[in-house]
Amino acid sequence: MGGKKALVLVVDDHPMMCESFVLALKNYVSGIYTATNEEEAKQICKSYDIRVAFIDARLQPGSGIELTKFLKNKYGQLKVVGYTTFSEEATVAEFLSAGVVGFMEKSEMRTVDILECLDRVLADEPYFPAWVEKICEKLFAKHVFASTQLSNREKEIAVLLSRGLSHKQIAEKLSLAKNTVDDYCKQMLQKTRTKSSVELMGFLLRNGVL
């Protein structure tokens, strides 16, 4: 087990999930830290030489994917493993583009899987289940990635959509033409690779944008 000299971070807004990781890893790593939000995670990485971080895609508030991008940009040697309850292509693609070296699904995470994942990534090997590898191949082949990067105006419109306002009502509230609101909504659908306002709201909620 290569983790005896490794400091590990777990980022999840559910304390019970953090505790599950602690129980699984405490005898196999030199230290394990937990954070329930982005700011706690950033402070821990600033204070300690974290080798591996396990990060949930959806944090409240915030986004595990955006946190991954930040940490990878600031600490290039940090190895990040993303995990999520929602096994959808868009989330996998976002994590991959953020620079994760492993991916796990919450419902499939047993202690033996977590330990195997840790061993693999510490040995500079990727850890992706077969179903994720197939998605990766398809996504990379198409060069199509869903994105949570919305402009301030798009976020403003998305918030109003989530409150049940129509395009016409949003246009009136923001002093915009309805066609302009229509165009912004189309752009958001294209960016997120979703097909309807309902799918859009679900995607933004799952990824911590709303």
N, C-alpha and C. Protein backbone atom coordinates (compact mmCIF):
# COMPACT_ATOMS: atom_id res chain seq x y z
N MET A 1 0.84 -1.20 0.00
CA MET A 1 0.00 0.00 0.00
C MET A 1 0.87 1.24 0.00
N GLY A 2 0.74 2.05 -1.05
CA GLY A 2 1.61 3.21 -1.17
C GLY A 2 1.13 4.43 -0.41
N GLY A 3 0.01 4.32 0.29
CA GLY A 3 -0.56 5.49 0.94
C GLY A 3 0.00 5.82 2.30
N LYS A 4 0.89 4.98 2.84
CA LYS A 4 1.39 5.21 4.20
C LYS A 4 2.07 6.56 4.36
N LYS A 5 2.62 7.10 3.28
CA LYS A 5 3.29 8.39 3.36
C LYS A 5 2.45 9.52 2.77
N ALA A 6 1.19 9.24 2.47
CA ALA A 6 0.36 10.22 1.78
C ALA A 6 -0.62 10.92 2.71
N LEU A 7 -0.76 12.23 2.50
CA LEU A 7 -1.81 13.00 3.15
C LEU A 7 -2.99 13.08 2.17
N VAL A 8 -4.17 12.78 2.68
CA VAL A 8 -5.36 12.69 1.84
C VAL A 8 -6.41 13.69 2.31
N LEU A 9 -7.12 14.27 1.35
CA LEU A 9 -8.22 15.19 1.65
C LEU A 9 -9.52 14.63 1.06
N VAL A 10 -10.60 14.73 1.83
CA VAL A 10 -11.93 14.35 1.35
C VAL A 10 -12.82 15.58 1.44
N VAL A 11 -13.49 15.92 0.32
CA VAL A 11 -14.36 17.10 0.30
C VAL A 11 -15.78 16.65 -0.03
N ASP A 12 -16.67 16.79 0.95
CA ASP A 12 -18.06 16.39 0.77
C ASP A 12 -18.90 17.16 1.77
N ASP A 13 -20.04 17.70 1.34
CA ASP A 13 -20.86 18.48 2.27
C ASP A 13 -21.71 17.60 3.19
N HIS A 14 -21.58 16.28 3.05
CA HIS A 14 -22.24 15.36 3.96
C HIS A 14 -21.21 14.78 4.93
N PRO A 15 -21.22 15.18 6.20
CA PRO A 15 -20.23 14.70 7.17
C PRO A 15 -20.15 13.17 7.25
N MET A 16 -21.28 12.49 7.07
CA MET A 16 -21.26 11.03 7.15
C MET A 16 -20.43 10.42 6.02
N MET A 17 -20.44 11.06 4.86
CA MET A 17 -19.63 10.58 3.75
C MET A 17 -18.16 10.79 4.05
N CYS A 18 -17.82 11.92 4.63
CA CYS A 18 -16.44 12.17 5.03
C CYS A 18 -15.98 11.11 6.03
N GLU A 19 -16.84 10.80 6.98
CA GLU A 19 -16.50 9.81 8.00
C GLU A 19 -16.29 8.43 7.38
N SER A 20 -17.05 8.11 6.35
CA SER A 20 -16.88 6.82 5.67
C SER A 20 -15.48 6.71 5.06
N PHE A 21 -15.02 7.80 4.46
CA PHE A 21 -13.67 7.81 3.90
C PHE A 21 -12.62 7.68 5.00
N VAL A 22 -12.83 8.38 6.12
CA VAL A 22 -11.89 8.31 7.23
C VAL A 22 -11.76 6.88 7.73
N LEU A 23 -12.90 6.20 7.91
CA LEU A 23 -12.88 4.82 8.38
C LEU A 23 -12.17 3.90 7.39
N ALA A 24 -12.37 4.18 6.09
CA ALA A 24 -11.77 3.32 5.06
C ALA A 24 -10.26 3.54 4.95
N LEU A 25 -9.80 4.77 5.17
CA LEU A 25 -8.41 5.11 4.85
C LEU A 25 -7.49 5.32 6.05
N LYS A 26 -8.04 5.50 7.25
CA LYS A 26 -7.22 5.97 8.37
C LYS A 26 -6.03 5.08 8.69
N ASN A 27 -6.13 3.78 8.42
CA ASN A 27 -5.01 2.87 8.71
C ASN A 27 -4.05 2.71 7.54
N TYR A 28 -4.32 3.44 6.45
CA TYR A 28 -3.53 3.24 5.24
C TYR A 28 -2.83 4.50 4.75
N VAL A 29 -3.06 5.63 5.42
CA VAL A 29 -2.43 6.89 5.00
C VAL A 29 -1.78 7.55 6.21
N SER A 30 -0.90 8.49 5.95
CA SER A 30 -0.22 9.16 7.07
C SER A 30 -1.11 10.20 7.74
N GLY A 31 -2.14 10.65 7.01
CA GLY A 31 -3.08 11.60 7.58
C GLY A 31 -4.23 11.83 6.64
N ILE A 32 -5.41 12.11 7.19
CA ILE A 32 -6.58 12.35 6.35
C ILE A 32 -7.35 13.55 6.90
N TYR A 33 -7.64 14.50 6.02
CA TYR A 33 -8.36 15.70 6.39
C TYR A 33 -9.70 15.72 5.66
N THR A 34 -10.69 16.35 6.26
CA THR A 34 -12.01 16.44 5.63
C THR A 34 -12.45 17.90 5.57
N ALA A 35 -13.20 18.22 4.52
CA ALA A 35 -13.76 19.56 4.34
C ALA A 35 -15.18 19.42 3.82
N THR A 36 -16.05 20.32 4.25
CA THR A 36 -17.44 20.26 3.81
C THR A 36 -17.77 21.35 2.79
N ASN A 37 -16.78 22.19 2.46
CA ASN A 37 -17.02 23.23 1.46
C ASN A 37 -15.71 23.62 0.79
N GLU A 38 -15.80 24.44 -0.24
CA GLU A 38 -14.64 24.82 -1.03
C GLU A 38 -13.59 25.57 -0.21
N GLU A 39 -14.02 26.51 0.60
CA GLU A 39 -13.07 27.33 1.34
C GLU A 39 -12.27 26.49 2.34
N GLU A 40 -12.93 25.57 3.03
CA GLU A 40 -12.21 24.69 3.94
C GLU A 40 -11.17 23.87 3.18
N ALA A 41 -11.57 23.37 2.02
CA ALA A 41 -10.66 22.54 1.21
C ALA A 41 -9.44 23.36 0.77
N LYS A 42 -9.67 24.58 0.32
CA LYS A 42 -8.56 25.43 -0.13
C LYS A 42 -7.60 25.74 1.01
N GLN A 43 -8.13 25.97 2.20
CA GLN A 43 -7.29 26.28 3.35
C GLN A 43 -6.44 25.07 3.75
N ILE A 44 -7.03 23.88 3.69
CA ILE A 44 -6.29 22.66 4.03
C ILE A 44 -5.16 22.43 3.03
N CYS A 45 -5.45 22.62 1.75
CA CYS A 45 -4.42 22.43 0.73
C CYS A 45 -3.32 23.47 0.84
N LYS A 46 -3.66 24.65 1.31
CA LYS A 46 -2.68 25.71 1.52
C LYS A 46 -1.77 25.38 2.70
N SER A 47 -2.33 24.71 3.70
CA SER A 47 -1.60 24.45 4.95
C SER A 47 -0.83 23.14 4.96
N TYR A 48 -1.28 22.17 4.15
CA TYR A 48 -0.67 20.84 4.18
C TYR A 48 -0.34 20.36 2.77
N ASP A 49 0.62 19.47 2.68
CA ASP A 49 1.04 18.91 1.40
C ASP A 49 0.16 17.72 1.04
N ILE A 50 -1.04 18.02 0.58
CA ILE A 50 -2.01 16.97 0.24
C ILE A 50 -1.57 16.26 -1.04
N ARG A 51 -1.54 14.94 -1.01
CA ARG A 51 -1.15 14.17 -2.20
C ARG A 51 -2.36 13.78 -3.06
N VAL A 52 -3.46 13.38 -2.38
CA VAL A 52 -4.66 12.93 -3.10
C VAL A 52 -5.89 13.57 -2.48
N ALA A 53 -6.78 14.06 -3.34
CA ALA A 53 -8.05 14.63 -2.86
C ALA A 53 -9.21 13.89 -3.51
N PHE A 54 -10.14 13.42 -2.69
CA PHE A 54 -11.39 12.83 -3.17
C PHE A 54 -12.45 13.92 -3.05
N ILE A 55 -13.05 14.31 -4.18
CA ILE A 55 -13.96 15.46 -4.19
C ILE A 55 -15.31 15.10 -4.79
N ASP A 56 -16.37 15.40 -4.05
CA ASP A 56 -17.74 15.19 -4.54
C ASP A 56 -18.07 16.27 -5.57
N ALA A 57 -18.79 15.88 -6.62
CA ALA A 57 -19.13 16.83 -7.69
C ALA A 57 -20.03 17.95 -7.18
N ARG A 58 -20.94 17.59 -6.30
CA ARG A 58 -21.95 18.56 -5.87
C ARG A 58 -21.71 18.96 -4.43
N LEU A 59 -21.40 20.24 -4.22
CA LEU A 59 -21.21 20.78 -2.89
C LEU A 59 -22.23 21.90 -2.68
N GLN A 60 -22.68 22.04 -1.44
CA GLN A 60 -23.62 23.11 -1.12
C GLN A 60 -23.05 23.97 0.00
N PRO A 61 -22.65 25.21 -0.29
CA PRO A 61 -22.67 25.83 -1.63
C PRO A 61 -21.42 25.46 -2.42
N GLY A 62 -21.44 25.76 -3.70
CA GLY A 62 -20.24 25.57 -4.51
C GLY A 62 -20.33 24.38 -5.44
N SER A 63 -19.19 24.06 -6.05
CA SER A 63 -19.11 22.98 -7.02
C SER A 63 -17.79 22.25 -6.86
N GLY A 64 -17.85 20.93 -6.73
CA GLY A 64 -16.65 20.13 -6.63
C GLY A 64 -15.82 20.20 -7.89
N ILE A 65 -16.49 20.37 -9.02
CA ILE A 65 -15.77 20.46 -10.29
C ILE A 65 -14.99 21.76 -10.38
N GLU A 66 -15.60 22.86 -9.97
CA GLU A 66 -14.89 24.14 -9.96
C GLU A 66 -13.74 24.11 -8.95
N LEU A 67 -13.95 23.45 -7.82
CA LEU A 67 -12.88 23.31 -6.83
C LEU A 67 -11.72 22.51 -7.41
N THR A 68 -12.04 21.45 -8.14
CA THR A 68 -11.00 20.64 -8.78
C THR A 68 -10.17 21.48 -9.72
N LYS A 69 -10.82 22.29 -10.52
CA LYS A 69 -10.09 23.17 -11.46
C LYS A 69 -9.16 24.10 -10.71
N PHE A 70 -9.65 24.69 -9.64
CA PHE A 70 -8.84 25.61 -8.85
C PHE A 70 -7.62 24.91 -8.26
N LEU A 71 -7.84 23.75 -7.64
CA LEU A 71 -6.75 23.04 -6.97
C LEU A 71 -5.72 22.53 -7.97
N LYS A 72 -6.20 22.04 -9.11
CA LYS A 72 -5.27 21.54 -10.12
C LYS A 72 -4.43 22.69 -10.70
N ASN A 73 -5.03 23.85 -10.82
CA ASN A 73 -4.31 25.01 -11.34
C ASN A 73 -3.26 25.50 -10.34
N LYS A 74 -3.59 25.44 -9.06
CA LYS A 74 -2.69 25.96 -8.02
C LYS A 74 -1.69 24.92 -7.53
N TYR A 75 -2.11 23.66 -7.48
CA TYR A 75 -1.24 22.58 -6.99
C TYR A 75 -1.19 21.49 -8.06
N GLY A 76 -0.33 21.70 -9.04
CA GLY A 76 -0.30 20.82 -10.21
C GLY A 76 -0.04 19.36 -9.91
N GLN A 77 0.69 19.05 -8.81
CA GLN A 77 1.03 17.66 -8.49
C GLN A 77 -0.08 16.95 -7.70
N LEU A 78 -1.08 17.71 -7.27
CA LEU A 78 -2.18 17.11 -6.51
C LEU A 78 -2.99 16.18 -7.41
N LYS A 79 -3.24 14.98 -6.92
CA LYS A 79 -4.05 14.02 -7.68
C LYS A 79 -5.48 14.08 -7.16
N VAL A 80 -6.42 14.33 -8.06
CA VAL A 80 -7.82 14.46 -7.66
C VAL A 80 -8.65 13.30 -8.21
N VAL A 81 -9.45 12.71 -7.34
CA VAL A 81 -10.41 11.69 -7.73
C VAL A 81 -11.80 12.29 -7.53
N GLY A 82 -12.58 12.36 -8.60
CA GLY A 82 -13.93 12.88 -8.49
C GLY A 82 -14.92 11.75 -8.23
N TYR A 83 -15.98 12.07 -7.53
CA TYR A 83 -17.04 11.07 -7.34
C TYR A 83 -18.38 11.77 -7.27
N THR A 84 -19.43 11.02 -7.54
CA THR A 84 -20.76 11.63 -7.60
C THR A 84 -21.85 10.60 -7.44
N THR A 85 -23.03 11.08 -7.06
CA THR A 85 -24.22 10.24 -7.02
C THR A 85 -24.81 10.12 -8.41
N PHE A 86 -24.57 11.13 -9.25
CA PHE A 86 -25.20 11.22 -10.56
C PHE A 86 -24.24 10.73 -11.64
N SER A 87 -24.46 9.53 -12.12
CA SER A 87 -23.55 8.94 -13.11
C SER A 87 -23.98 9.33 -14.53
N GLU A 88 -23.85 10.61 -14.85
CA GLU A 88 -24.24 11.09 -16.16
C GLU A 88 -23.02 11.57 -16.94
N GLU A 89 -23.11 11.51 -18.25
CA GLU A 89 -21.99 11.83 -19.11
C GLU A 89 -21.46 13.24 -18.86
N ALA A 90 -22.36 14.18 -18.66
CA ALA A 90 -21.94 15.58 -18.51
C ALA A 90 -21.04 15.76 -17.30
N THR A 91 -21.39 15.11 -16.19
CA THR A 91 -20.58 15.24 -14.98
C THR A 91 -19.22 14.59 -15.17
N VAL A 92 -19.19 13.42 -15.80
CA VAL A 92 -17.92 12.75 -16.09
C VAL A 92 -17.05 13.65 -16.95
N ALA A 93 -17.62 14.23 -17.99
CA ALA A 93 -16.87 15.09 -18.91
C ALA A 93 -16.31 16.31 -18.19
N GLU A 94 -17.11 16.92 -17.34
CA GLU A 94 -16.65 18.08 -16.59
C GLU A 94 -15.47 17.72 -15.70
N PHE A 95 -15.57 16.59 -15.00
CA PHE A 95 -14.47 16.16 -14.13
C PHE A 95 -13.20 15.88 -14.94
N LEU A 96 -13.36 15.23 -16.08
CA LEU A 96 -12.21 14.91 -16.91
C LEU A 96 -11.52 16.17 -17.40
N SER A 97 -12.30 17.13 -17.86
CA SER A 97 -11.71 18.37 -18.35
C SER A 97 -11.08 19.17 -17.22
N ALA A 98 -11.52 18.93 -15.98
CA ALA A 98 -10.94 19.62 -14.82
C ALA A 98 -9.61 19.00 -14.40
N GLY A 99 -9.34 17.78 -14.87
CA GLY A 99 -8.03 17.17 -14.60
C GLY A 99 -8.01 16.05 -13.59
N VAL A 100 -9.15 15.39 -13.34
CA VAL A 100 -9.13 14.28 -12.38
C VAL A 100 -8.36 13.09 -12.96
N VAL A 101 -7.78 12.29 -12.07
CA VAL A 101 -7.08 11.07 -12.49
C VAL A 101 -7.87 9.82 -12.12
N GLY A 102 -9.04 10.03 -11.51
CA GLY A 102 -9.89 8.91 -11.15
C GLY A 102 -11.32 9.38 -10.99
N PHE A 103 -12.24 8.43 -11.09
CA PHE A 103 -13.65 8.75 -10.95
C PHE A 103 -14.36 7.56 -10.29
N MET A 104 -15.25 7.86 -9.33
CA MET A 104 -15.99 6.81 -8.63
C MET A 104 -17.45 7.21 -8.51
N GLU A 105 -18.30 6.22 -8.41
CA GLU A 105 -19.73 6.45 -8.21
C GLU A 105 -20.08 6.10 -6.77
N LYS A 106 -20.78 7.00 -6.08
CA LYS A 106 -21.04 6.82 -4.65
C LYS A 106 -21.66 5.47 -4.32
N SER A 107 -22.63 5.07 -5.13
CA SER A 107 -23.35 3.83 -4.83
C SER A 107 -22.47 2.59 -4.97
N GLU A 108 -21.33 2.73 -5.66
CA GLU A 108 -20.45 1.58 -5.89
C GLU A 108 -19.17 1.64 -5.06
N MET A 109 -19.05 2.61 -4.16
CA MET A 109 -17.81 2.79 -3.43
C MET A 109 -17.76 1.92 -2.17
N ARG A 110 -16.99 0.86 -2.23
CA ARG A 110 -16.71 0.04 -1.06
C ARG A 110 -15.30 0.36 -0.58
N THR A 111 -14.98 -0.04 0.64
CA THR A 111 -13.64 0.23 1.17
C THR A 111 -12.57 -0.31 0.25
N VAL A 112 -12.76 -1.52 -0.26
CA VAL A 112 -11.76 -2.12 -1.14
C VAL A 112 -11.57 -1.30 -2.42
N ASP A 113 -12.65 -0.69 -2.91
CA ASP A 113 -12.57 0.14 -4.12
C ASP A 113 -11.80 1.43 -3.84
N ILE A 114 -12.08 2.04 -2.69
CA ILE A 114 -11.39 3.28 -2.32
C ILE A 114 -9.90 3.03 -2.17
N LEU A 115 -9.54 1.91 -1.52
CA LEU A 115 -8.13 1.59 -1.33
C LEU A 115 -7.44 1.29 -2.66
N GLU A 116 -8.13 0.57 -3.53
CA GLU A 116 -7.56 0.28 -4.84
C GLU A 116 -7.35 1.56 -5.64
N CYS A 117 -8.33 2.44 -5.57
CA CYS A 117 -8.24 3.72 -6.26
C CYS A 117 -7.04 4.52 -5.75
N LEU A 118 -6.88 4.58 -4.43
CA LEU A 118 -5.77 5.31 -3.84
C LEU A 118 -4.44 4.74 -4.30
N ASP A 119 -4.31 3.43 -4.26
CA ASP A 119 -3.08 2.78 -4.71
C ASP A 119 -2.75 3.11 -6.16
N ARG A 120 -3.78 3.05 -7.00
CA ARG A 120 -3.57 3.26 -8.43
C ARG A 120 -3.10 4.69 -8.71
N VAL A 121 -3.80 5.67 -8.13
CA VAL A 121 -3.46 7.06 -8.46
C VAL A 121 -2.10 7.44 -7.86
N LEU A 122 -1.74 6.87 -6.72
CA LEU A 122 -0.42 7.14 -6.14
C LEU A 122 0.68 6.52 -6.99
N ALA A 123 0.34 5.50 -7.74
CA ALA A 123 1.29 4.86 -8.65
C ALA A 123 1.25 5.51 -10.04
N ASP A 124 0.61 6.67 -10.11
CA ASP A 124 0.49 7.42 -11.36
C ASP A 124 -0.29 6.67 -12.42
N GLU A 125 -1.28 5.89 -11.98
CA GLU A 125 -2.16 5.17 -12.89
C GLU A 125 -3.58 5.72 -12.75
N PRO A 126 -4.31 5.86 -13.84
CA PRO A 126 -5.70 6.34 -13.74
C PRO A 126 -6.61 5.29 -13.12
N TYR A 127 -7.68 5.75 -12.52
CA TYR A 127 -8.67 4.83 -11.96
C TYR A 127 -10.04 5.22 -12.48
N PHE A 128 -10.47 4.53 -13.53
CA PHE A 128 -11.78 4.79 -14.11
C PHE A 128 -12.50 3.47 -14.32
N PRO A 129 -13.71 3.31 -13.77
CA PRO A 129 -14.50 2.09 -14.05
C PRO A 129 -14.75 1.94 -15.54
N ALA A 130 -15.05 0.73 -15.96
CA ALA A 130 -15.23 0.44 -17.39
C ALA A 130 -16.27 1.34 -18.03
N TRP A 131 -17.39 1.59 -17.33
CA TRP A 131 -18.46 2.39 -17.94
C TRP A 131 -18.00 3.83 -18.15
N VAL A 132 -17.11 4.33 -17.28
CA VAL A 132 -16.59 5.68 -17.44
C VAL A 132 -15.61 5.73 -18.61
N GLU A 133 -14.80 4.69 -18.75
CA GLU A 133 -13.84 4.65 -19.85
C GLU A 133 -14.57 4.71 -21.20
N LYS A 134 -15.71 4.02 -21.29
CA LYS A 134 -16.47 4.04 -22.54
C LYS A 134 -17.01 5.44 -22.82
N ILE A 135 -17.47 6.10 -21.76
CA ILE A 135 -17.96 7.47 -21.93
C ILE A 135 -16.82 8.39 -22.33
N CYS A 136 -15.66 8.19 -21.72
CA CYS A 136 -14.49 9.01 -22.03
C CYS A 136 -14.13 8.90 -23.50
N GLU A 137 -14.10 7.67 -24.00
CA GLU A 137 -13.74 7.44 -25.39
C GLU A 137 -14.71 8.17 -26.32
N LYS A 138 -16.00 8.07 -26.00
CA LYS A 138 -17.01 8.72 -26.84
C LYS A 138 -16.91 10.24 -26.77
N LEU A 139 -16.72 10.76 -25.57
CA LEU A 139 -16.66 12.20 -25.41
C LEU A 139 -15.42 12.79 -26.06
N PHE A 140 -14.28 12.14 -25.85
CA PHE A 140 -13.05 12.65 -26.44
C PHE A 140 -13.07 12.53 -27.96
N ALA A 141 -13.72 11.47 -28.44
CA ALA A 141 -13.81 11.29 -29.89
C ALA A 141 -14.61 12.43 -30.52
N LYS A 142 -15.65 12.87 -29.82
CA LYS A 142 -16.50 13.94 -30.34
C LYS A 142 -15.98 15.33 -29.96
N HIS A 143 -15.07 15.36 -28.97
CA HIS A 143 -14.58 16.63 -28.44
C HIS A 143 -15.75 17.48 -27.94
N VAL A 144 -16.72 16.84 -27.34
CA VAL A 144 -17.90 17.54 -26.83
C VAL A 144 -17.91 17.46 -25.31
N PHE A 145 -17.89 18.59 -24.66
CA PHE A 145 -17.91 18.63 -23.20
C PHE A 145 -18.98 19.60 -22.72
N ALA A 146 -19.78 19.14 -21.80
CA ALA A 146 -20.75 20.05 -21.18
C ALA A 146 -19.99 20.97 -20.25
N SER A 147 -20.49 22.16 -20.09
CA SER A 147 -19.79 23.14 -19.27
C SER A 147 -20.73 23.80 -18.27
N THR A 148 -20.18 24.14 -17.11
CA THR A 148 -20.94 24.90 -16.11
C THR A 148 -20.53 26.37 -16.14
N GLN A 149 -19.70 26.74 -17.11
CA GLN A 149 -19.20 28.13 -17.19
C GLN A 149 -20.25 29.04 -17.84
N LEU A 150 -21.06 29.67 -17.02
CA LEU A 150 -22.08 30.59 -17.50
C LEU A 150 -21.65 32.03 -17.23
N SER A 151 -22.08 32.92 -18.10
CA SER A 151 -21.82 34.35 -17.88
C SER A 151 -22.70 34.83 -16.72
N ASN A 152 -22.40 36.01 -16.21
CA ASN A 152 -23.20 36.56 -15.11
C ASN A 152 -24.66 36.73 -15.53
N ARG A 153 -24.89 37.17 -16.76
CA ARG A 153 -26.25 37.36 -17.25
C ARG A 153 -26.96 36.01 -17.37
N GLU A 154 -26.25 35.01 -17.87
CA GLU A 154 -26.85 33.67 -17.99
C GLU A 154 -27.22 33.12 -16.62
N LYS A 155 -26.34 33.32 -15.64
CA LYS A 155 -26.65 32.86 -14.28
C LYS A 155 -27.88 33.58 -13.73
N GLU A 156 -27.96 34.88 -14.01
CA GLU A 156 -29.10 35.67 -13.56
C GLU A 156 -30.40 35.12 -14.15
N ILE A 157 -30.37 34.80 -15.43
CA ILE A 157 -31.55 34.25 -16.10
C ILE A 157 -31.86 32.85 -15.58
N ALA A 158 -30.82 32.05 -15.34
CA ALA A 158 -31.01 30.69 -14.84
C ALA A 158 -31.69 30.70 -13.47
N VAL A 159 -31.29 31.64 -12.63
CA VAL A 159 -31.92 31.77 -11.30
C VAL A 159 -33.41 32.07 -11.43
N LEU A 160 -33.74 32.97 -12.34
CA LEU A 160 -35.15 33.33 -12.55
C LEU A 160 -35.93 32.17 -13.15
N LEU A 161 -35.30 31.41 -14.05
CA LEU A 161 -35.95 30.21 -14.59
C LEU A 161 -36.25 29.22 -13.49
N SER A 162 -35.29 29.07 -12.56
CA SER A 162 -35.47 28.11 -11.46
C SER A 162 -36.61 28.51 -10.54
N ARG A 163 -36.99 29.80 -10.58
CA ARG A 163 -38.10 30.29 -9.75
C ARG A 163 -39.43 30.20 -10.49
N GLY A 164 -39.39 29.64 -11.70
CA GLY A 164 -40.62 29.41 -12.44
C GLY A 164 -41.06 30.53 -13.34
N LEU A 165 -40.22 31.53 -13.57
CA LEU A 165 -40.60 32.64 -14.44
C LEU A 165 -40.50 32.22 -15.91
N SER A 166 -41.40 32.73 -16.72
CA SER A 166 -41.36 32.48 -18.16
C SER A 166 -40.32 33.38 -18.81
N HIS A 167 -40.00 33.10 -20.08
CA HIS A 167 -39.06 33.96 -20.79
C HIS A 167 -39.58 35.40 -20.87
N LYS A 168 -40.87 35.54 -21.08
CA LYS A 168 -41.46 36.88 -21.17
C LYS A 168 -41.34 37.62 -19.84
N GLN A 169 -41.62 36.91 -18.74
CA GLN A 169 -41.52 37.54 -17.42
C GLN A 169 -40.08 37.92 -17.08
N ILE A 170 -39.15 37.06 -17.48
CA ILE A 170 -37.73 37.36 -17.24
C ILE A 170 -37.32 38.59 -18.04
N ALA A 171 -37.77 38.66 -19.28
CA ALA A 171 -37.44 39.81 -20.14
C ALA A 171 -37.93 41.12 -19.51
N GLU A 172 -39.16 41.08 -18.98
CA GLU A 172 -39.73 42.27 -18.35
C GLU A 172 -38.96 42.65 -17.09
N LYS A 173 -38.60 41.64 -16.31
CA LYS A 173 -37.91 41.89 -15.04
C LYS A 173 -36.51 42.45 -15.27
N LEU A 174 -35.83 41.99 -16.34
CA LEU A 174 -34.45 42.42 -16.60
C LEU A 174 -34.37 43.53 -17.65
N SER A 175 -35.52 44.01 -18.10
CA SER A 175 -35.58 45.05 -19.13
C SER A 175 -34.84 44.63 -20.40
N LEU A 176 -35.14 43.39 -20.83
CA LEU A 176 -34.54 42.85 -22.05
C LEU A 176 -35.66 42.50 -23.03
N ALA A 177 -35.29 42.35 -24.29
CA ALA A 177 -36.25 41.85 -25.26
C ALA A 177 -36.42 40.36 -25.04
N LYS A 178 -37.63 39.84 -25.28
CA LYS A 178 -37.87 38.41 -25.08
C LYS A 178 -36.95 37.58 -25.98
N ASN A 179 -36.71 38.06 -27.20
CA ASN A 179 -35.81 37.34 -28.11
C ASN A 179 -34.40 37.22 -27.53
N THR A 180 -33.99 38.24 -26.79
CA THR A 180 -32.66 38.22 -26.17
C THR A 180 -32.61 37.14 -25.09
N VAL A 181 -33.68 37.05 -24.30
CA VAL A 181 -33.75 36.01 -23.27
C VAL A 181 -33.77 34.63 -23.93
N ASP A 182 -34.52 34.51 -25.02
CA ASP A 182 -34.56 33.24 -25.77
C ASP A 182 -33.15 32.83 -26.20
N ASP A 183 -32.40 33.81 -26.70
CA ASP A 183 -31.04 33.52 -27.18
C ASP A 183 -30.13 33.07 -26.02
N TYR A 184 -30.24 33.74 -24.87
CA TYR A 184 -29.44 33.36 -23.72
C TYR A 184 -29.76 31.92 -23.29
N CYS A 185 -31.03 31.59 -23.31
CA CYS A 185 -31.44 30.24 -22.90
C CYS A 185 -30.91 29.18 -23.88
N LYS A 186 -30.93 29.52 -25.16
CA LYS A 186 -30.39 28.60 -26.16
C LYS A 186 -28.89 28.39 -25.93
N GLN A 187 -28.18 29.47 -25.61
CA GLN A 187 -26.75 29.38 -25.34
C GLN A 187 -26.48 28.47 -24.14
N MET A 188 -27.31 28.60 -23.11
CA MET A 188 -27.12 27.77 -21.91
C MET A 188 -27.37 26.30 -22.21
N LEU A 189 -28.37 26.02 -23.04
CA LEU A 189 -28.65 24.64 -23.43
C LEU A 189 -27.46 24.06 -24.19
N GLN A 190 -26.87 24.87 -25.07
CA GLN A 190 -25.72 24.41 -25.86
C GLN A 190 -24.51 24.18 -24.96
N LYS A 191 -24.26 25.09 -24.05
CA LYS A 191 -23.11 24.96 -23.16
C LYS A 191 -23.20 23.73 -22.27
N THR A 192 -24.40 23.46 -21.76
CA THR A 192 -24.58 22.38 -20.80
C THR A 192 -24.95 21.05 -21.46
N ARG A 193 -25.12 21.08 -22.79
CA ARG A 193 -25.49 19.87 -23.53
C ARG A 193 -26.82 19.30 -23.02
N THR A 194 -27.74 20.18 -22.66
CA THR A 194 -29.07 19.76 -22.22
C THR A 194 -30.09 20.13 -23.30
N LYS A 195 -31.28 19.53 -23.22
CA LYS A 195 -32.25 19.67 -24.30
C LYS A 195 -33.51 20.44 -23.91
N SER A 196 -33.65 20.76 -22.63
CA SER A 196 -34.84 21.48 -22.19
C SER A 196 -34.51 22.28 -20.94
N SER A 197 -35.42 23.18 -20.58
CA SER A 197 -35.22 23.96 -19.36
C SER A 197 -35.18 23.08 -18.12
N VAL A 198 -35.97 22.02 -18.13
CA VAL A 198 -35.98 21.09 -16.99
C VAL A 198 -34.62 20.41 -16.84
N GLU A 199 -34.08 19.90 -17.96
CA GLU A 199 -32.76 19.27 -17.94
C GLU A 199 -31.69 20.28 -17.52
N LEU A 200 -31.83 21.51 -18.03
CA LEU A 200 -30.88 22.57 -17.70
C LEU A 200 -30.87 22.83 -16.20
N MET A 201 -32.05 22.97 -15.60
CA MET A 201 -32.12 23.22 -14.16
C MET A 201 -31.51 22.07 -13.37
N GLY A 202 -31.80 20.85 -13.78
CA GLY A 202 -31.26 19.68 -13.10
C GLY A 202 -29.74 19.67 -13.16
N PHE A 203 -29.19 19.95 -14.35
CA PHE A 203 -27.74 19.96 -14.52
C PHE A 203 -27.09 21.04 -13.66
N LEU A 204 -27.65 22.24 -13.66
CA LEU A 204 -27.07 23.34 -12.89
C LEU A 204 -27.17 23.09 -11.39
N LEU A 205 -28.25 22.48 -10.94
CA LEU A 205 -28.40 22.16 -9.53
C LEU A 205 -27.40 21.09 -9.10
N ARG A 206 -27.26 20.05 -9.93
CA ARG A 206 -26.35 18.95 -9.58
C ARG A 206 -24.89 19.40 -9.55
N ASN A 207 -24.58 20.43 -10.32
CA ASN A 207 -23.19 20.87 -10.40
C ASN A 207 -22.92 22.15 -9.59
N GLY A 208 -23.89 22.48 -8.72
CA GLY A 208 -23.66 23.58 -7.78
C GLY A 208 -23.68 24.97 -8.35
N VAL A 209 -24.23 25.14 -9.56
CA VAL A 209 -24.31 26.48 -10.17
C VAL A 209 -25.46 27.27 -9.58
N LEU A 210 -26.56 26.58 -9.28
CA LEU A 210 -27.72 27.23 -8.66
C LEU A 210 -27.77 26.92 -7.17
